[in-house]
């Protein structure tokens, strides 16, 4: 009988010892370190596990890191696009000079009336028309963009002392170009879906078929002349005709309409977006204000990751980056939108970059390249804010 109390005491001692160990572990995590505990000896041929206070620097080129950052980026893009989908629909209608909504351009009241008309005609579904195609495009686009940025950043910026504005800009620009190359056809389809305003709108298959068969506008042939200059022009015209015959005039190439303009616009947009966001993050982490702008470093955070920003600071940094990047790249975006829908508003022919820019300038002058910019700010600032905020929080969840 005396053995029973002894056994109970032993069990109680075990429980207390276990709880004490848990408390010590928690205290070690909060303090940034962990005291060694009694454990079986580690064999010589096995590496001892690293202490919690000395977190490993992740291998950003590993498949695991790319998968985690890709999922985080894709979810961030979907969350951001869903937030601004109604504004995106109205902005596309304004940019492409849709005849039904051209009268509403240029004022905030016009924006409200456009939203009201779309809602009156088609309900909430009308405000989100083309959004399924948007999500289908934005998830791989955002995933590729953020994965590419992490990869280019790790390659171009090897360590903290190598961080410069040019390296940050270059990493962001390359990431933007990479992502848009793989997802551009989905963007063309999305814009055409959003441009449709008829009650009996075209189906996805009809729009794809229409884009596939559209032809470029043929250039007028110069009149023949008897002089040597006329002969030279004739030879040049024949060479151009040969190129036009060899080069694809319709087909899958139509799904890359405006791609060159997109690349020209994406370089400043993505470059300035990542550069501004990272720079704003550095400002918010300055020693004089970081007490009010940053959160405690999570226990699973990589060793080279700075402290996460508070929600308002992260959203502010993202919003500022969106405004700066939008202003820099907006004229090229307007040209790209007009090129993407040129077959829908004309006679089925596609316009080139110079022709589109000339048409916009002829219609509205220099201000025509900034049509809808105020709406663009309303869209891109929350878009960038939600995107960066969601991405950074998902990175924390995934421990990257």
Protein backbone atom coordinates (compact mmCIF):
# COMPACT_ATOMS: atom_id res chain seq x y z
CA UNK A 1 0.00 0.00 0.00
CA UNK A 2 2.72 2.57 0.67
CA UNK A 3 3.78 2.24 -2.95
CA UNK A 4 0.61 3.91 -4.27
CA UNK A 5 1.26 7.44 -2.91
CA UNK A 6 4.81 7.21 -4.15
CA UNK A 7 3.58 6.43 -7.65
CA UNK A 8 1.14 9.34 -7.55
CA UNK A 9 3.88 11.66 -6.40
CA UNK A 10 6.02 10.48 -9.27
CA UNK A 11 3.20 11.19 -11.76
CA UNK A 12 2.61 14.63 -10.26
CA UNK A 13 6.30 15.40 -10.50
CA UNK A 14 6.29 14.34 -14.15
CA UNK A 15 3.34 16.63 -14.96
CA UNK A 16 4.91 19.60 -13.17
CA UNK A 17 8.19 18.98 -14.94
CA UNK A 18 6.43 18.86 -18.31
CA UNK A 19 4.56 22.13 -17.66
CA UNK A 20 7.75 23.76 -16.50
CA UNK A 21 9.42 22.75 -19.73
CA UNK A 22 6.54 24.25 -21.76
CA UNK A 23 6.80 27.54 -19.86
CA UNK A 24 10.55 27.64 -20.38
CA UNK A 25 10.08 27.05 -24.12
CA UNK A 26 7.51 29.84 -24.38
CA UNK A 27 9.76 32.18 -22.44
CA UNK A 28 12.67 31.31 -24.65
CA UNK A 29 10.66 32.10 -27.79
CA UNK A 30 9.51 35.48 -26.44
CA UNK A 31 13.03 36.36 -25.35
CA UNK A 32 14.40 35.40 -28.74
CA UNK A 33 16.32 32.38 -27.49
CA UNK A 34 15.85 28.98 -25.92
CA UNK A 35 17.74 27.39 -23.05
CA UNK A 36 19.07 23.94 -23.67
CA UNK A 37 17.07 21.14 -22.13
CA UNK A 38 18.04 17.71 -21.00
CA UNK A 39 17.82 15.47 -24.06
CA UNK A 40 19.46 12.36 -25.39
CA UNK A 41 22.97 12.98 -26.72
CA UNK A 42 23.24 13.64 -30.43
CA UNK A 43 25.44 11.22 -32.39
CA UNK A 44 28.57 12.71 -33.90
CA UNK A 45 27.48 12.00 -37.46
CA UNK A 46 24.16 13.88 -37.05
CA UNK A 47 24.03 17.68 -37.13
CA UNK A 48 22.50 19.20 -34.03
CA UNK A 49 19.26 21.11 -34.66
CA UNK A 50 19.67 24.90 -34.70
CA UNK A 51 18.51 26.90 -31.73
CA UNK A 52 15.21 28.73 -32.11
CA UNK A 53 16.90 32.09 -31.59
CA UNK A 54 19.23 31.45 -34.53
CA UNK A 55 16.71 31.05 -37.33
CA UNK A 56 17.89 29.62 -40.61
CA UNK A 57 17.99 31.70 -43.75
CA UNK A 58 15.60 30.00 -46.21
CA UNK A 59 16.72 28.66 -49.56
CA UNK A 60 14.69 30.91 -51.85
CA UNK A 61 15.59 28.83 -54.89
CA UNK A 62 14.08 25.65 -53.42
CA UNK A 63 10.85 24.25 -54.83
CA UNK A 64 9.24 24.41 -51.38
CA UNK A 65 9.89 28.15 -51.07
CA UNK A 66 8.63 28.84 -54.59
CA UNK A 67 5.44 26.83 -53.97
CA UNK A 68 4.72 28.68 -50.73
CA UNK A 69 5.41 32.12 -52.19
CA UNK A 70 3.37 31.23 -55.29
CA UNK A 71 0.31 30.25 -53.26
CA UNK A 72 0.67 33.36 -51.11
CA UNK A 73 0.98 35.58 -54.19
CA UNK A 74 -1.98 33.99 -55.98
CA UNK A 75 -4.27 34.41 -52.97
CA UNK A 76 -3.10 37.99 -52.55
CA UNK A 77 -3.93 38.79 -56.16
CA UNK A 78 -7.41 37.25 -55.96
CA UNK A 79 -8.23 39.12 -52.73
CA UNK A 80 -7.06 42.42 -54.20
CA UNK A 81 -8.91 42.05 -57.52
CA UNK A 82 -12.17 41.06 -55.84
CA UNK A 83 -11.99 44.21 -53.72
CA UNK A 84 -11.87 46.53 -56.74
CA UNK A 85 -13.76 44.53 -59.40
CA UNK A 86 -16.63 47.06 -59.87
CA UNK A 87 -14.22 49.98 -60.29
CA UNK A 88 -12.15 47.94 -62.71
CA UNK A 89 -15.20 47.34 -64.89
CA UNK A 90 -16.07 51.05 -65.05
CA UNK A 91 -12.46 52.06 -65.70
CA UNK A 92 -12.19 49.72 -68.68
CA UNK A 93 -15.42 51.14 -70.15
CA UNK A 94 -14.04 54.69 -69.75
CA UNK A 95 -10.58 53.89 -71.12
CA UNK A 96 -11.92 52.19 -74.23
CA UNK A 97 -14.39 55.02 -74.98
CA UNK A 98 -17.41 52.73 -74.90
CA UNK A 99 -20.16 54.75 -76.67
CA UNK A 100 -22.75 53.98 -73.99
CA UNK A 101 -20.55 55.31 -71.16
CA UNK A 102 -18.45 58.02 -72.86
CA UNK A 103 -20.85 60.70 -71.55
CA UNK A 104 -19.98 59.82 -67.95
CA UNK A 105 -16.23 60.40 -68.21
CA UNK A 106 -14.42 63.19 -66.41
CA UNK A 107 -16.29 63.50 -63.10
CA UNK A 108 -16.96 61.61 -59.89
CA UNK A 109 -20.69 62.06 -60.49
CA UNK A 110 -20.22 60.35 -63.85
CA UNK A 111 -18.56 57.43 -62.12
CA UNK A 112 -21.54 57.07 -59.79
CA UNK A 113 -23.98 57.27 -62.71
CA UNK A 114 -22.01 54.65 -64.64
CA UNK A 115 -22.12 52.28 -61.67
CA UNK A 116 -25.84 52.97 -61.27
CA UNK A 117 -26.55 52.27 -64.96
CA UNK A 118 -24.58 49.02 -64.93
CA UNK A 119 -26.37 47.96 -61.74
CA UNK A 120 -29.76 48.94 -63.20
CA UNK A 121 -29.22 46.95 -66.39
CA UNK A 122 -27.60 43.80 -65.02
CA UNK A 123 -27.62 44.02 -61.22
CA UNK A 124 -24.60 43.07 -59.13
CA UNK A 125 -23.59 40.55 -61.79
CA UNK A 126 -23.03 43.44 -64.20
CA UNK A 127 -20.52 45.08 -61.86
CA UNK A 128 -18.57 41.84 -61.70
CA UNK A 129 -18.84 40.95 -65.39
CA UNK A 130 -15.63 39.31 -66.52
CA UNK A 131 -14.52 38.76 -62.91
CA UNK A 132 -14.36 34.98 -63.28
CA UNK A 133 -11.94 35.49 -66.16
CA UNK A 134 -10.12 38.02 -63.98
CA UNK A 135 -9.59 35.48 -61.20
CA UNK A 136 -8.60 32.85 -63.75
CA UNK A 137 -5.93 35.25 -64.99
CA UNK A 138 -4.93 37.00 -61.77
CA UNK A 139 -4.10 33.92 -59.71
CA UNK A 140 -1.32 32.68 -62.01
CA UNK A 141 -0.30 36.27 -62.79
CA UNK A 142 0.13 37.26 -59.14
CA UNK A 143 1.66 33.91 -58.24
CA UNK A 144 4.25 34.18 -61.02
CA UNK A 145 4.90 37.85 -60.24
CA UNK A 146 5.67 37.33 -56.56
CA UNK A 147 7.63 34.11 -57.14
CA UNK A 148 9.65 35.82 -59.87
CA UNK A 149 10.27 38.84 -57.65
CA UNK A 150 11.59 36.68 -54.83
CA UNK A 151 13.83 34.82 -57.28
CA UNK A 152 15.14 37.92 -59.07
CA UNK A 153 15.59 39.70 -55.75
CA UNK A 154 17.62 36.80 -54.32
CA UNK A 155 19.77 36.78 -57.46
CA UNK A 156 20.24 40.56 -57.88
CA UNK A 157 20.30 41.50 -54.19
CA UNK A 158 22.46 38.94 -52.46
CA UNK A 159 22.54 40.63 -49.05
CA UNK A 160 21.19 43.67 -47.20
CA UNK A 161 24.21 45.84 -47.96
CA UNK A 162 23.58 45.33 -51.71
CA UNK A 163 20.09 46.85 -51.52
CA UNK A 164 19.89 49.85 -53.86
CA UNK A 165 16.95 51.54 -55.55
CA UNK A 166 18.14 50.37 -58.96
CA UNK A 167 18.41 46.72 -57.88
CA UNK A 168 14.95 46.84 -56.32
CA UNK A 169 13.51 48.48 -59.43
CA UNK A 170 15.19 45.91 -61.69
CA UNK A 171 13.91 42.94 -59.67
CA UNK A 172 10.36 44.31 -59.73
CA UNK A 173 10.45 45.15 -63.45
CA UNK A 174 11.75 41.70 -64.40
CA UNK A 175 9.10 40.07 -62.24
CA UNK A 176 6.36 42.08 -63.94
CA UNK A 177 7.60 41.25 -67.44
CA UNK A 178 7.87 37.55 -66.59
CA UNK A 179 4.35 37.32 -65.19
CA UNK A 180 2.68 39.26 -67.99
CA UNK A 181 4.35 37.13 -70.67
CA UNK A 182 2.71 33.96 -69.37
CA UNK A 183 -0.74 35.42 -68.67
CA UNK A 184 -1.32 38.09 -71.34
CA UNK A 185 -3.85 36.12 -73.49
CA UNK A 186 -6.13 35.81 -70.45
CA UNK A 187 -5.90 39.57 -69.95
CA UNK A 188 -7.02 40.26 -73.54
CA UNK A 189 -10.03 37.97 -73.09
CA UNK A 190 -10.88 39.58 -69.74
CA UNK A 191 -10.87 43.10 -71.21
CA UNK A 192 -13.10 42.04 -74.09
CA UNK A 193 -15.55 40.41 -71.68
CA UNK A 194 -15.64 43.56 -69.54
CA UNK A 195 -16.13 45.70 -72.67
CA UNK A 196 -19.33 43.86 -73.66
CA UNK A 197 -22.42 45.80 -72.51
CA UNK A 198 -25.21 44.25 -74.60
CA UNK A 199 -27.97 42.31 -72.87
CA UNK A 200 -27.16 39.30 -75.07
CA UNK A 201 -23.42 39.45 -74.72
CA UNK A 202 -20.99 37.15 -76.47
CA UNK A 203 -19.90 33.95 -74.81
CA UNK A 204 -16.31 33.22 -73.90
CA UNK A 205 -15.96 30.90 -76.91
CA UNK A 206 -17.44 33.53 -79.27
CA UNK A 207 -15.04 36.19 -78.03
CA UNK A 208 -12.03 33.89 -78.40
CA UNK A 209 -13.14 32.99 -81.93
CA UNK A 210 -13.65 36.65 -82.82
CA UNK A 211 -10.22 37.66 -81.52
CA UNK A 212 -8.58 34.77 -83.35
CA UNK A 213 -9.97 35.81 -86.76
CA UNK A 214 -9.46 39.59 -86.56
CA UNK A 215 -7.18 41.12 -89.21
CA UNK A 216 -4.89 44.19 -89.10
CA UNK A 217 -5.75 47.28 -91.11
CA UNK A 218 -3.97 47.07 -94.47
CA UNK A 219 -1.62 49.95 -95.23
CA UNK A 220 -2.38 51.92 -98.42
CA UNK A 221 0.09 51.26 -101.23
CA UNK A 222 1.98 54.35 -102.54
CA UNK A 223 1.40 55.40 -106.13
CA UNK A 224 4.00 54.15 -108.59
CA UNK A 225 6.46 56.69 -109.98
CA UNK A 226 8.81 56.57 -112.91
CA UNK A 227 11.79 58.08 -111.13
CA UNK A 228 14.53 56.26 -109.28
CA UNK A 229 12.95 57.31 -105.98
CA UNK A 230 9.68 55.75 -107.12
CA UNK A 231 11.48 52.53 -107.99
CA UNK A 232 13.12 52.45 -104.55
CA UNK A 233 9.74 52.95 -102.93
CA UNK A 234 8.34 50.13 -105.04
CA UNK A 235 11.08 47.78 -103.89
CA UNK A 236 10.50 48.76 -100.26
CA UNK A 237 6.77 48.25 -100.70
CA UNK A 238 7.34 44.80 -102.18
CA UNK A 239 9.60 43.87 -99.25
CA UNK A 240 6.97 45.08 -96.79
CA UNK A 241 4.30 43.07 -98.57
CA UNK A 242 6.49 39.97 -98.38
CA UNK A 243 6.95 40.47 -94.64
CA UNK A 244 3.20 40.89 -94.20
CA UNK A 245 2.59 37.62 -96.03
CA UNK A 246 5.18 35.70 -94.00
CA UNK A 247 4.31 37.28 -90.63
CA UNK A 248 1.08 36.05 -89.00
CA UNK A 249 -1.82 38.44 -89.63
CA UNK A 250 -4.37 36.61 -87.50
CA UNK A 251 -4.60 33.63 -85.21
CA UNK A 252 -3.03 33.16 -81.80
CA UNK A 253 -0.87 36.27 -82.28
CA UNK A 254 -4.07 38.33 -81.82
CA UNK A 255 -4.16 37.27 -78.18
CA UNK A 256 -0.90 39.22 -77.72
CA UNK A 257 -2.34 42.42 -79.18
CA UNK A 258 -0.75 45.35 -77.40
CA UNK A 259 1.85 43.10 -75.78
CA UNK A 260 4.80 45.31 -76.70
CA UNK A 261 3.02 48.31 -75.19
CA UNK A 262 2.23 46.22 -72.12
CA UNK A 263 5.90 45.39 -71.66
CA UNK A 264 6.81 49.07 -71.99
CA UNK A 265 4.21 49.92 -69.36
CA UNK A 266 4.94 46.97 -67.09
CA UNK A 267 8.61 47.85 -66.66
CA UNK A 268 7.93 51.19 -64.90
CA UNK A 269 4.75 49.92 -63.22
CA UNK A 270 6.11 46.77 -61.58
CA UNK A 271 9.53 48.31 -60.98
CA UNK A 272 8.13 51.38 -59.22
CA UNK A 273 5.55 49.28 -57.36
CA UNK A 274 8.07 47.01 -55.65
CA UNK A 275 10.62 49.79 -55.25
CA UNK A 276 8.14 52.14 -53.59
CA UNK A 277 6.67 49.44 -51.34
CA UNK A 278 10.08 48.29 -50.10
CA UNK A 279 11.27 51.87 -49.61
CA UNK A 280 8.12 52.79 -47.68
CA UNK A 281 8.64 49.67 -45.57
CA UNK A 282 12.17 50.80 -44.75
CA UNK A 283 10.85 54.21 -43.66
CA UNK A 284 8.21 52.64 -41.42
CA UNK A 285 10.92 50.47 -39.83
CA UNK A 286 13.18 53.38 -38.89
CA UNK A 287 14.30 53.14 -35.23
CA UNK A 288 12.55 56.38 -34.32
CA UNK A 289 9.05 55.14 -35.30
CA UNK A 290 9.21 51.35 -35.51
CA UNK A 291 7.74 51.08 -32.02
CA UNK A 292 4.46 52.34 -33.50
CA UNK A 293 4.63 50.75 -36.96
CA UNK A 294 5.97 47.20 -36.52
CA UNK A 295 4.82 44.00 -34.86
CA UNK A 296 6.96 41.54 -32.87
CA UNK A 297 8.93 39.16 -35.06
CA UNK A 298 7.11 35.79 -35.35
CA UNK A 299 8.92 32.75 -33.98
CA UNK A 300 8.95 31.02 -37.37
CA UNK A 301 10.23 34.05 -39.31
CA UNK A 302 13.39 33.55 -41.42
CA UNK A 303 16.57 35.16 -40.13
CA UNK A 304 16.82 37.67 -42.99
CA UNK A 305 13.21 38.87 -42.86
CA UNK A 306 12.51 42.29 -41.29
CA UNK A 307 9.85 42.73 -38.64
CA UNK A 308 6.32 42.74 -40.08
CA UNK A 309 4.49 46.06 -40.30
CA UNK A 310 1.27 46.77 -38.49
CA UNK A 311 -1.86 46.53 -40.64
CA UNK A 312 -2.26 50.30 -41.18
CA UNK A 313 1.43 50.72 -42.06
CA UNK A 314 1.45 47.80 -44.51
CA UNK A 315 -1.73 49.03 -46.18
CA UNK A 316 -0.31 52.56 -46.39
CA UNK A 317 2.94 51.35 -47.95
CA UNK A 318 0.98 49.34 -50.52
CA UNK A 319 -1.36 52.21 -51.32
CA UNK A 320 1.51 54.64 -51.89
CA UNK A 321 3.27 52.15 -54.15
CA UNK A 322 0.08 51.75 -56.18
CA UNK A 323 -0.37 55.50 -56.67
CA UNK A 324 3.23 56.08 -57.77
CA UNK A 325 3.36 53.15 -60.17
CA UNK A 326 -0.04 53.99 -61.68
CA UNK A 327 0.95 57.58 -62.43
CA UNK A 328 4.17 56.57 -64.15
CA UNK A 329 2.67 53.89 -66.40
CA UNK A 330 -0.89 55.11 -67.05
CA UNK A 331 -0.48 56.57 -70.59
CA UNK A 332 0.87 53.27 -71.89
CA UNK A 333 -1.98 51.42 -70.17
CA UNK A 334 -4.55 53.57 -71.99
CA UNK A 335 -2.89 52.78 -75.34
CA UNK A 336 -2.84 49.07 -74.49
CA UNK A 337 -6.54 49.00 -73.60
CA UNK A 338 -7.51 50.69 -76.86
CA UNK A 339 -5.40 48.23 -78.84
CA UNK A 340 -6.99 45.26 -77.07
CA UNK A 341 -10.55 46.29 -78.00
CA UNK A 342 -9.80 47.85 -81.39
CA UNK A 343 -11.46 44.93 -83.14
CA UNK A 344 -14.58 45.32 -81.03
CA UNK A 345 -15.19 49.04 -81.76
CA UNK A 346 -14.11 49.23 -85.39
CA UNK A 347 -14.44 47.03 -88.45
CA UNK A 348 -12.62 44.03 -87.01
CA UNK A 349 -9.10 45.30 -87.78
CA UNK A 350 -6.42 45.79 -85.16
CA UNK A 351 -4.47 49.01 -84.67
CA UNK A 352 -0.73 49.37 -84.10
CA UNK A 353 0.89 51.29 -81.23
CA UNK A 354 1.58 54.49 -83.18
CA UNK A 355 -1.86 54.46 -84.80
CA UNK A 356 -3.58 53.97 -81.45
CA UNK A 357 -1.58 56.76 -79.78
CA UNK A 358 -2.32 59.09 -82.70
CA UNK A 359 -6.03 58.27 -82.53
CA UNK A 360 -6.16 58.99 -78.80
CA UNK A 361 -4.31 62.31 -79.21
CA UNK A 362 -6.57 63.32 -82.10
CA UNK A 363 -9.71 62.60 -80.09
CA UNK A 364 -8.77 64.17 -76.75
CA UNK A 365 -5.29 65.66 -76.93
CA UNK A 366 -2.68 65.04 -74.25
CA UNK A 367 -5.39 64.66 -71.58
CA UNK A 368 -6.68 61.62 -73.44
CA UNK A 369 -3.74 59.58 -72.18
CA UNK A 370 -4.90 60.17 -68.60
CA UNK A 371 -8.61 59.48 -69.03
CA UNK A 372 -9.90 57.66 -65.98
CA UNK A 373 -6.73 58.28 -63.92
CA UNK A 374 -8.74 59.46 -60.90
CA UNK A 375 -10.72 56.23 -61.07
CA UNK A 376 -7.41 54.48 -61.54
CA UNK A 377 -6.23 55.86 -58.21
CA UNK A 378 -9.43 54.68 -56.55
CA UNK A 379 -8.79 51.23 -57.94
CA UNK A 380 -5.03 50.78 -57.80
CA UNK A 381 -4.40 52.16 -54.31
CA UNK A 382 -6.67 49.65 -52.52
CA UNK A 383 -5.60 47.01 -55.02
CA UNK A 384 -1.91 47.37 -54.21
CA UNK A 385 -2.62 47.85 -50.50
CA UNK A 386 -4.67 44.65 -50.19
CA UNK A 387 -2.27 42.74 -52.45
CA UNK A 388 0.90 43.55 -50.49
CA UNK A 389 -0.87 43.21 -47.13
CA UNK A 390 -2.28 39.77 -47.98
CA UNK A 391 1.01 38.59 -49.44
CA UNK A 392 3.06 39.63 -46.41
CA UNK A 393 0.57 38.07 -44.00
CA UNK A 394 0.43 34.83 -46.00
CA UNK A 395 4.23 34.71 -46.00
CA UNK A 396 4.11 34.88 -42.22
CA UNK A 397 1.56 32.06 -42.13
CA UNK A 398 3.71 29.93 -44.42
CA UNK A 399 6.89 30.74 -42.51
CA UNK A 400 8.76 32.30 -45.43
